[in-house]
């Protein structure tokens, strides 16, 4: 007797973005899940990402799209109905924007998250909810144990940051993502929603339209390929761990498949110490991959910047068996290959419209 595969109706808020579109593609390619994307299409590259997904599915009916904003509770309620899984990637993502407009940052990141949680709670069906948070919830972190060595800072605590690190919201962005993070966690305790929070480090991969404020690995790589200069804030020895997007997708699936362990939990997710790099070090890696030397200028450090953040992902590994597979070099090579195949997207304006039959039109809200 064949095994019955449970029906999956997957709703992805921010589904046309970098992570969301990669996750949607993975689901459409490897599962029989029905996928709904909810996105306000406000960011660079998302329209092309959506067109890519639509080309893949054709007229199969497996992909539906709602153009809307998470700040609209009515539209969010409508989208959540019938969903068995909800992935919440929609956010205001830039620290600089949060400093310029803290209210916008709060309304999107906190208000939007509460709208999604309330919609999920009111269904009474307890859908799985996964929320992508950030390492910024830990603030700028203490400087004890850091030593400048060569082109990077090194730490005596070389396993990285685990979930026991005290929260220390810093910048409006840290406050808003941290508040949303805590709401998602508490809705599991108070209302029984099977929620999971991923506090993520630097995610990189194809379909990422990186810029100075977000997606810095892709931004550096594309700039080198196009011979464009970048700005480095601080001395360039700041260290981050890098996680390839395909490894993140495996982490999403691992969290869902091990809900007996993961429901109600918070996990630090990243490439770990083995995939850590400083800004100066990754410039050397980019030159090795592309043959181009990235041009840059130095400016003073920005508020809230962490000199050293590396993920200790052992809790997720213990609960699910997950660990990263791709290293920094392979990640850069994959992004570079994607850029070469899609370089026209960076040389010309992105399409303004997508064919109307590719969208399930919904009332448009403020971006």
Protein backbone atom coordinates (compact mmCIF):
# COMPACT_ATOMS: atom_id res chain seq x y z
CA UNK A 1 0.00 0.00 0.00
CA UNK A 2 1.40 3.40 -0.98
CA UNK A 3 1.99 5.94 1.72
CA UNK A 4 -0.46 8.85 1.78
CA UNK A 5 1.40 12.16 1.51
CA UNK A 6 -0.20 14.86 3.70
CA UNK A 7 -1.66 17.78 1.79
CA UNK A 8 0.57 20.87 2.00
CA UNK A 9 -0.79 24.34 1.38
CA UNK A 10 2.21 26.63 1.84
CA UNK A 11 1.91 30.39 2.29
CA UNK A 12 5.09 32.45 1.96
CA UNK A 13 5.01 36.07 3.11
CA UNK A 14 7.76 37.89 1.21
CA UNK A 15 7.68 34.99 -1.22
CA UNK A 16 9.01 36.92 -4.21
CA UNK A 17 12.15 37.97 -2.37
CA UNK A 18 15.52 36.25 -2.32
CA UNK A 19 14.83 33.59 0.31
CA UNK A 20 11.11 33.34 -0.43
CA UNK A 21 11.51 32.70 -4.15
CA UNK A 22 14.22 30.11 -3.56
CA UNK A 23 11.96 28.35 -1.05
CA UNK A 24 8.97 28.49 -3.40
CA UNK A 25 11.07 27.05 -6.23
CA UNK A 26 12.29 24.24 -3.99
CA UNK A 27 8.76 23.34 -2.94
CA UNK A 28 7.38 23.46 -6.47
CA UNK A 29 10.24 21.37 -7.85
CA UNK A 30 10.57 18.72 -5.14
CA UNK A 31 7.11 18.39 -3.55
CA UNK A 32 3.44 18.38 -4.51
CA UNK A 33 2.70 21.33 -2.26
CA UNK A 34 0.40 24.11 -3.39
CA UNK A 35 2.24 27.41 -2.92
CA UNK A 36 0.86 30.90 -2.35
CA UNK A 37 3.14 33.91 -2.45
CA UNK A 38 2.20 37.10 -0.60
CA UNK A 39 4.39 40.07 -1.49
CA UNK A 40 4.07 43.81 -2.06
CA UNK A 41 6.66 43.64 -4.90
CA UNK A 42 8.42 46.71 -3.54
CA UNK A 43 12.02 45.51 -3.64
CA UNK A 44 14.43 45.34 -6.53
CA UNK A 45 14.41 42.03 -8.37
CA UNK A 46 11.21 40.59 -6.89
CA UNK A 47 9.18 40.96 -10.08
CA UNK A 48 11.79 39.02 -12.01
CA UNK A 49 11.88 36.37 -9.28
CA UNK A 50 8.11 36.01 -9.54
CA UNK A 51 8.24 35.78 -13.33
CA UNK A 52 10.90 33.04 -12.96
CA UNK A 53 8.59 31.01 -10.73
CA UNK A 54 5.63 31.51 -13.07
CA UNK A 55 7.66 30.31 -16.04
CA UNK A 56 8.48 27.20 -14.08
CA UNK A 57 4.90 26.23 -13.17
CA UNK A 58 3.21 27.43 -16.35
CA UNK A 59 -0.56 26.98 -16.09
CA UNK A 60 -0.46 24.12 -13.61
CA UNK A 61 -2.30 26.17 -10.99
CA UNK A 62 0.13 25.18 -8.23
CA UNK A 63 1.34 28.76 -7.65
CA UNK A 64 -0.89 31.65 -6.63
CA UNK A 65 0.15 35.19 -5.82
CA UNK A 66 -1.42 37.91 -3.68
CA UNK A 67 -0.01 41.40 -4.12
CA UNK A 68 -0.39 42.99 -0.72
CA UNK A 69 1.22 44.32 2.42
CA UNK A 70 1.54 42.53 5.76
CA UNK A 71 0.30 45.72 7.44
CA UNK A 72 -3.16 45.03 5.99
CA UNK A 73 -4.86 42.64 8.48
CA UNK A 74 -7.83 41.92 6.21
CA UNK A 75 -5.65 40.85 3.31
CA UNK A 76 -3.44 38.80 5.64
CA UNK A 77 -6.51 37.03 7.09
CA UNK A 78 -7.68 36.12 3.60
CA UNK A 79 -4.28 34.75 2.63
CA UNK A 80 -3.87 32.63 5.78
CA UNK A 81 -7.19 30.78 5.37
CA UNK A 82 -6.48 27.22 4.28
CA UNK A 83 -2.71 27.36 4.78
CA UNK A 84 -1.15 24.38 6.53
CA UNK A 85 2.29 26.03 6.66
CA UNK A 86 3.23 29.69 6.91
CA UNK A 87 6.72 31.08 6.28
CA UNK A 88 7.14 34.69 7.31
CA UNK A 89 10.01 36.39 5.45
CA UNK A 90 8.34 39.76 4.78
CA UNK A 91 10.22 42.55 6.54
CA UNK A 92 11.84 45.92 6.52
CA UNK A 93 15.42 44.64 6.36
CA UNK A 94 17.80 47.61 6.55
CA UNK A 95 19.27 49.07 9.73
CA UNK A 96 19.74 52.39 7.94
CA UNK A 97 16.06 52.56 6.96
CA UNK A 98 15.04 51.77 10.52
CA UNK A 99 17.09 54.71 11.77
CA UNK A 100 15.61 57.04 9.14
CA UNK A 101 12.01 55.89 9.71
CA UNK A 102 11.56 53.93 12.97
CA UNK A 103 7.76 53.98 12.72
CA UNK A 104 7.73 52.32 9.30
CA UNK A 105 10.20 49.76 10.59
CA UNK A 106 7.96 49.02 13.61
CA UNK A 107 4.73 48.84 11.63
CA UNK A 108 6.13 46.39 9.09
CA UNK A 109 8.24 44.17 11.34
CA UNK A 110 6.14 44.13 14.51
CA UNK A 111 2.66 45.05 13.28
CA UNK A 112 2.93 42.84 10.21
CA UNK A 113 4.11 39.88 12.26
CA UNK A 114 1.26 40.30 14.75
CA UNK A 115 -1.23 40.37 11.86
CA UNK A 116 0.12 37.03 10.62
CA UNK A 117 0.12 35.43 14.06
CA UNK A 118 -3.40 36.58 14.80
CA UNK A 119 -4.65 35.32 11.45
CA UNK A 120 -3.02 31.94 12.12
CA UNK A 121 -4.46 31.77 15.65
CA UNK A 122 -7.97 32.62 14.51
CA UNK A 123 -8.08 29.75 12.01
CA UNK A 124 -8.20 27.30 14.92
CA UNK A 125 -6.18 24.82 12.83
CA UNK A 126 -2.75 25.56 14.34
CA UNK A 127 -0.73 25.90 11.10
CA UNK A 128 3.05 25.58 11.28
CA UNK A 129 4.66 29.05 11.37
CA UNK A 130 8.35 29.67 10.71
CA UNK A 131 9.73 33.18 11.19
CA UNK A 132 13.13 34.41 10.05
CA UNK A 133 14.69 36.66 12.66
CA UNK A 134 18.24 38.02 12.80
CA UNK A 135 21.45 37.97 14.77
CA UNK A 136 20.85 41.69 15.40
CA UNK A 137 18.61 40.70 18.34
CA UNK A 138 21.87 40.14 20.26
CA UNK A 139 22.93 43.77 19.90
CA UNK A 140 26.51 44.77 19.16
CA UNK A 141 27.81 42.03 21.51
CA UNK A 142 30.55 42.48 24.07
CA UNK A 143 34.08 42.96 22.83
CA UNK A 144 35.77 40.69 25.39
CA UNK A 145 38.04 38.08 23.90
CA UNK A 146 38.42 39.76 20.49
CA UNK A 147 41.87 40.15 18.95
CA UNK A 148 42.73 41.77 15.61
CA UNK A 149 44.85 39.24 13.75
CA UNK A 150 45.81 39.77 10.14
CA UNK A 151 42.70 40.53 8.09
CA UNK A 152 40.14 39.48 10.73
CA UNK A 153 39.11 39.61 14.32
CA UNK A 154 39.44 36.34 16.18
CA UNK A 155 37.58 35.30 19.29
CA UNK A 156 38.57 33.08 22.18
CA UNK A 157 34.97 31.81 22.06
CA UNK A 158 35.45 30.16 18.70
CA UNK A 159 32.24 28.13 18.73
CA UNK A 160 30.25 31.28 18.08
CA UNK A 161 27.01 32.62 19.57
CA UNK A 162 24.35 30.23 20.82
CA UNK A 163 20.76 30.80 21.90
CA UNK A 164 21.72 31.41 25.54
CA UNK A 165 23.26 34.75 24.57
CA UNK A 166 21.19 37.50 26.27
CA UNK A 167 18.98 39.57 23.97
CA UNK A 168 20.18 43.16 23.63
CA UNK A 169 18.17 44.93 20.95
CA UNK A 170 20.20 47.69 19.33
CA UNK A 171 18.96 50.08 16.61
CA UNK A 172 15.28 50.33 15.71
CA UNK A 173 15.75 47.37 13.36
CA UNK A 174 17.06 45.20 16.20
CA UNK A 175 14.13 46.32 18.37
CA UNK A 176 11.49 45.55 15.74
CA UNK A 177 12.87 42.18 14.67
CA UNK A 178 13.52 41.24 18.29
CA UNK A 179 9.97 42.17 19.29
CA UNK A 180 8.55 40.14 16.40
CA UNK A 181 10.84 37.26 17.31
CA UNK A 182 9.43 37.25 20.85
CA UNK A 183 5.82 37.48 19.68
CA UNK A 184 6.31 34.42 17.45
CA UNK A 185 7.93 32.52 20.31
CA UNK A 186 5.19 33.48 22.77
CA UNK A 187 2.32 32.53 20.44
CA UNK A 188 3.55 28.97 20.74
CA UNK A 189 3.50 29.09 24.54
CA UNK A 190 0.24 31.00 24.93
CA UNK A 191 -1.85 29.76 22.00
CA UNK A 192 -0.29 26.45 21.04
CA UNK A 193 0.81 27.47 17.53
CA UNK A 194 3.70 25.27 16.37
CA UNK A 195 6.09 28.16 15.69
CA UNK A 196 9.82 28.14 15.01
CA UNK A 197 12.16 31.16 15.04
CA UNK A 198 15.40 31.19 13.01
CA UNK A 199 17.88 33.86 14.13
CA UNK A 200 19.96 34.02 10.99
CA UNK A 201 23.40 35.24 10.07
CA UNK A 202 24.41 36.12 6.48
CA UNK A 203 22.45 34.17 3.86
CA UNK A 204 23.74 34.26 0.27
CA UNK A 205 22.90 32.66 -3.04
CA UNK A 206 21.32 33.03 -6.50
CA UNK A 207 18.37 35.39 -7.01
CA UNK A 208 19.76 37.77 -4.39
CA UNK A 209 19.79 41.41 -5.45
CA UNK A 210 22.18 42.55 -2.72
CA UNK A 211 22.92 46.14 -1.84
CA UNK A 212 24.96 48.08 0.70
CA UNK A 213 22.33 47.66 3.42
CA UNK A 214 21.32 44.03 2.93
CA UNK A 215 22.84 41.05 1.14
CA UNK A 216 26.41 42.33 1.39
CA UNK A 217 28.07 39.15 0.07
CA UNK A 218 26.17 39.36 -3.23
CA UNK A 219 26.66 43.15 -3.29
CA UNK A 220 30.43 42.78 -3.03
CA UNK A 221 30.52 40.06 -5.69
CA UNK A 222 28.33 41.91 -8.20
CA UNK A 223 30.32 45.09 -7.65
CA UNK A 224 33.57 43.28 -8.45
CA UNK A 225 32.05 41.75 -11.58
CA UNK A 226 30.89 45.19 -12.74
CA UNK A 227 34.02 47.04 -11.60
CA UNK A 228 32.00 49.19 -9.22
CA UNK A 229 33.47 50.44 -5.92
CA UNK A 230 31.93 49.65 -2.51
CA UNK A 231 32.17 51.28 0.88
CA UNK A 232 33.52 49.37 3.88
CA UNK A 233 32.40 50.73 7.23
CA UNK A 234 35.01 50.12 9.92
CA UNK A 235 38.37 48.47 9.36
CA UNK A 236 37.12 45.51 7.32
CA UNK A 237 38.16 42.92 9.90
CA UNK A 238 34.53 42.39 10.99
CA UNK A 239 33.66 38.68 10.87
CA UNK A 240 30.40 37.01 9.83
CA UNK A 241 29.50 33.45 8.98
CA UNK A 242 27.93 32.82 5.58
CA UNK A 243 25.20 30.26 4.86
CA UNK A 244 24.34 29.18 1.33
CA UNK A 245 20.63 29.56 0.62
CA UNK A 246 20.22 25.88 -0.33
CA UNK A 247 21.47 24.92 3.12
CA UNK A 248 18.90 27.26 4.65
CA UNK A 249 16.12 25.58 2.65
CA UNK A 250 17.20 22.24 4.07
CA UNK A 251 16.98 23.80 7.54
CA UNK A 252 13.38 24.90 6.86
CA UNK A 253 12.42 21.38 5.90
CA UNK A 254 14.31 19.88 8.84
CA UNK A 255 12.43 22.14 11.29
CA UNK A 256 9.07 21.12 9.81
CA UNK A 257 9.86 17.42 9.74
CA UNK A 258 10.98 17.40 13.38
CA UNK A 259 8.13 19.42 14.89
CA UNK A 260 8.07 17.16 17.92
CA UNK A 261 11.44 18.71 18.77
CA UNK A 262 11.31 22.12 17.10
CA UNK A 263 7.83 23.50 17.86
CA UNK A 264 8.11 26.51 20.14
CA UNK A 265 11.89 26.68 19.78
CA UNK A 266 14.34 29.39 18.73
CA UNK A 267 17.45 28.50 16.73
CA UNK A 268 20.57 30.33 15.64
CA UNK A 269 21.07 29.40 11.98
CA UNK A 270 24.17 30.14 9.95
CA UNK A 271 27.28 28.73 8.35
CA UNK A 272 29.21 28.40 11.62
CA UNK A 273 32.85 28.99 12.37
CA UNK A 274 33.92 26.84 9.42
CA UNK A 275 32.16 29.27 7.05
CA UNK A 276 33.20 32.51 8.70
CA UNK A 277 34.97 35.30 6.87
CA UNK A 278 35.91 38.92 7.36
CA UNK A 279 35.12 41.62 4.81
CA UNK A 280 38.78 41.83 3.79
CA UNK A 281 39.06 38.06 3.50
CA UNK A 282 36.01 37.72 1.28
CA UNK A 283 37.44 40.36 -1.05
CA UNK A 284 40.34 37.96 -1.64
CA UNK A 285 37.89 35.09 -2.19
CA UNK A 286 35.91 37.15 -4.69
CA UNK A 287 39.08 37.94 -6.64
CA UNK A 288 39.94 34.24 -6.75
CA UNK A 289 36.45 33.39 -8.07
CA UNK A 290 35.98 36.26 -10.55
CA UNK A 291 39.50 37.34 -11.45
CA UNK A 292 38.47 40.90 -10.57
CA UNK A 293 39.78 42.89 -7.62
CA UNK A 294 37.00 44.67 -5.75
CA UNK A 295 37.62 48.40 -5.34
CA UNK A 296 36.58 49.91 -2.01
CA UNK A 297 36.92 52.93 0.25
CA UNK A 298 36.83 52.98 4.04
CA UNK A 299 34.51 54.95 6.30
CA UNK A 300 33.81 54.98 10.03
CA UNK A 301 31.86 52.18 11.71
CA UNK A 302 28.06 52.35 11.73
CA UNK A 303 26.01 52.16 14.95
CA UNK A 304 25.18 48.65 16.11
CA UNK A 305 27.70 46.89 13.87
CA UNK A 306 28.94 43.63 15.38
CA UNK A 307 32.70 43.22 15.07
CA UNK A 308 32.40 39.47 15.39
CA UNK A 309 29.31 37.33 14.90
CA UNK A 310 29.52 33.63 14.14
CA UNK A 311 26.61 31.23 14.56
CA UNK A 312 26.73 28.29 16.92
CA UNK A 313 24.13 26.09 15.19
CA UNK A 314 24.57 23.03 17.43
CA UNK A 315 21.07 23.24 18.92
CA UNK A 316 19.42 22.85 15.50
CA UNK A 317 21.89 20.12 14.65
CA UNK A 318 21.07 18.23 17.85
CA UNK A 319 17.31 18.53 17.28
CA UNK A 320 17.21 17.72 13.55
CA UNK A 321 20.60 16.50 12.35
CA UNK A 322 21.00 19.54 10.08
CA UNK A 323 24.33 21.12 9.26
CA UNK A 324 25.65 23.26 6.38
CA UNK A 325 27.05 21.57 3.28
CA UNK A 326 28.38 24.43 1.12
CA UNK A 327 31.43 26.51 1.99
CA UNK A 328 32.08 30.19 1.26
CA UNK A 329 33.97 29.54 -1.98
CA UNK A 330 31.20 27.33 -3.40
CA UNK A 331 28.60 29.92 -2.40
CA UNK A 332 30.47 32.65 -4.27
CA UNK A 333 30.91 30.43 -7.31
CA UNK A 334 27.18 29.66 -7.45
CA UNK A 335 26.21 33.33 -7.16
CA UNK A 336 28.76 34.23 -9.82
CA UNK A 337 27.38 31.62 -12.22
CA UNK A 338 23.84 32.93 -11.68
CA UNK A 339 24.97 36.52 -12.31
CA UNK A 340 26.65 35.54 -15.58
CA UNK A 341 23.43 33.89 -16.74
CA UNK A 342 21.33 36.90 -15.71
CA UNK A 343 23.65 39.87 -16.12
CA UNK A 344 21.04 41.75 -18.15
CA UNK A 345 19.05 42.19 -14.92
CA UNK A 346 21.88 44.32 -13.57
CA UNK A 347 22.51 46.32 -16.74
CA UNK A 348 18.92 47.32 -17.50
CA UNK A 349 15.85 48.35 -15.51
CA UNK A 350 13.82 45.41 -14.23
CA UNK A 351 10.45 44.70 -15.86
CA UNK A 352 7.70 47.01 -14.65
CA UNK A 353 4.87 44.58 -15.27
CA UNK A 354 4.27 40.86 -15.20
CA UNK A 355 1.63 39.24 -17.40
CA UNK A 356 -1.71 39.56 -15.66
CA UNK A 357 -2.47 35.87 -15.98
CA UNK A 358 0.59 35.20 -13.80
CA UNK A 359 -1.03 36.87 -10.81
CA UNK A 360 -4.05 36.35 -8.65
CA UNK A 361 -4.75 40.05 -8.35
CA UNK A 362 -5.70 41.48 -4.96
CA UNK A 363 -6.29 45.05 -3.79
CA UNK A 364 -3.00 46.88 -3.66
CA UNK A 365 -1.91 48.41 -0.38
CA UNK A 366 0.80 50.83 0.57
CA UNK A 367 4.31 49.53 0.05
